[in-house]
Amino acid sequence: FNFLPGGYRIDSGFDNSISEYGTFWSSTEHDGVYAWSRKLKYDSSRVSRYHSSDKINGFSVRLIKDSE
């Protein structure tokens, strides 16, 4: 899967990792305030998972269509 490292937005504005990281929301909620997210780095195949992502943050969204 290809992605553009769009960084992420926190309540104080855009993070400076706009060309280094891509952070994506998961469709799985952790609890009422937090949600799961995934973080990818442009030069690594590692995918990190976080459950402490406050839903007021601005992360990227990737839509995936279920095949039937």
Foldseek 3Di string as FASTA:
>chain_A
DDDAQQAKADPVGGDPCGRFKAKEFDPAAPDDFWGKIWMDTPPDPDIDIDTHHGVVIGHDYDDDDDDD
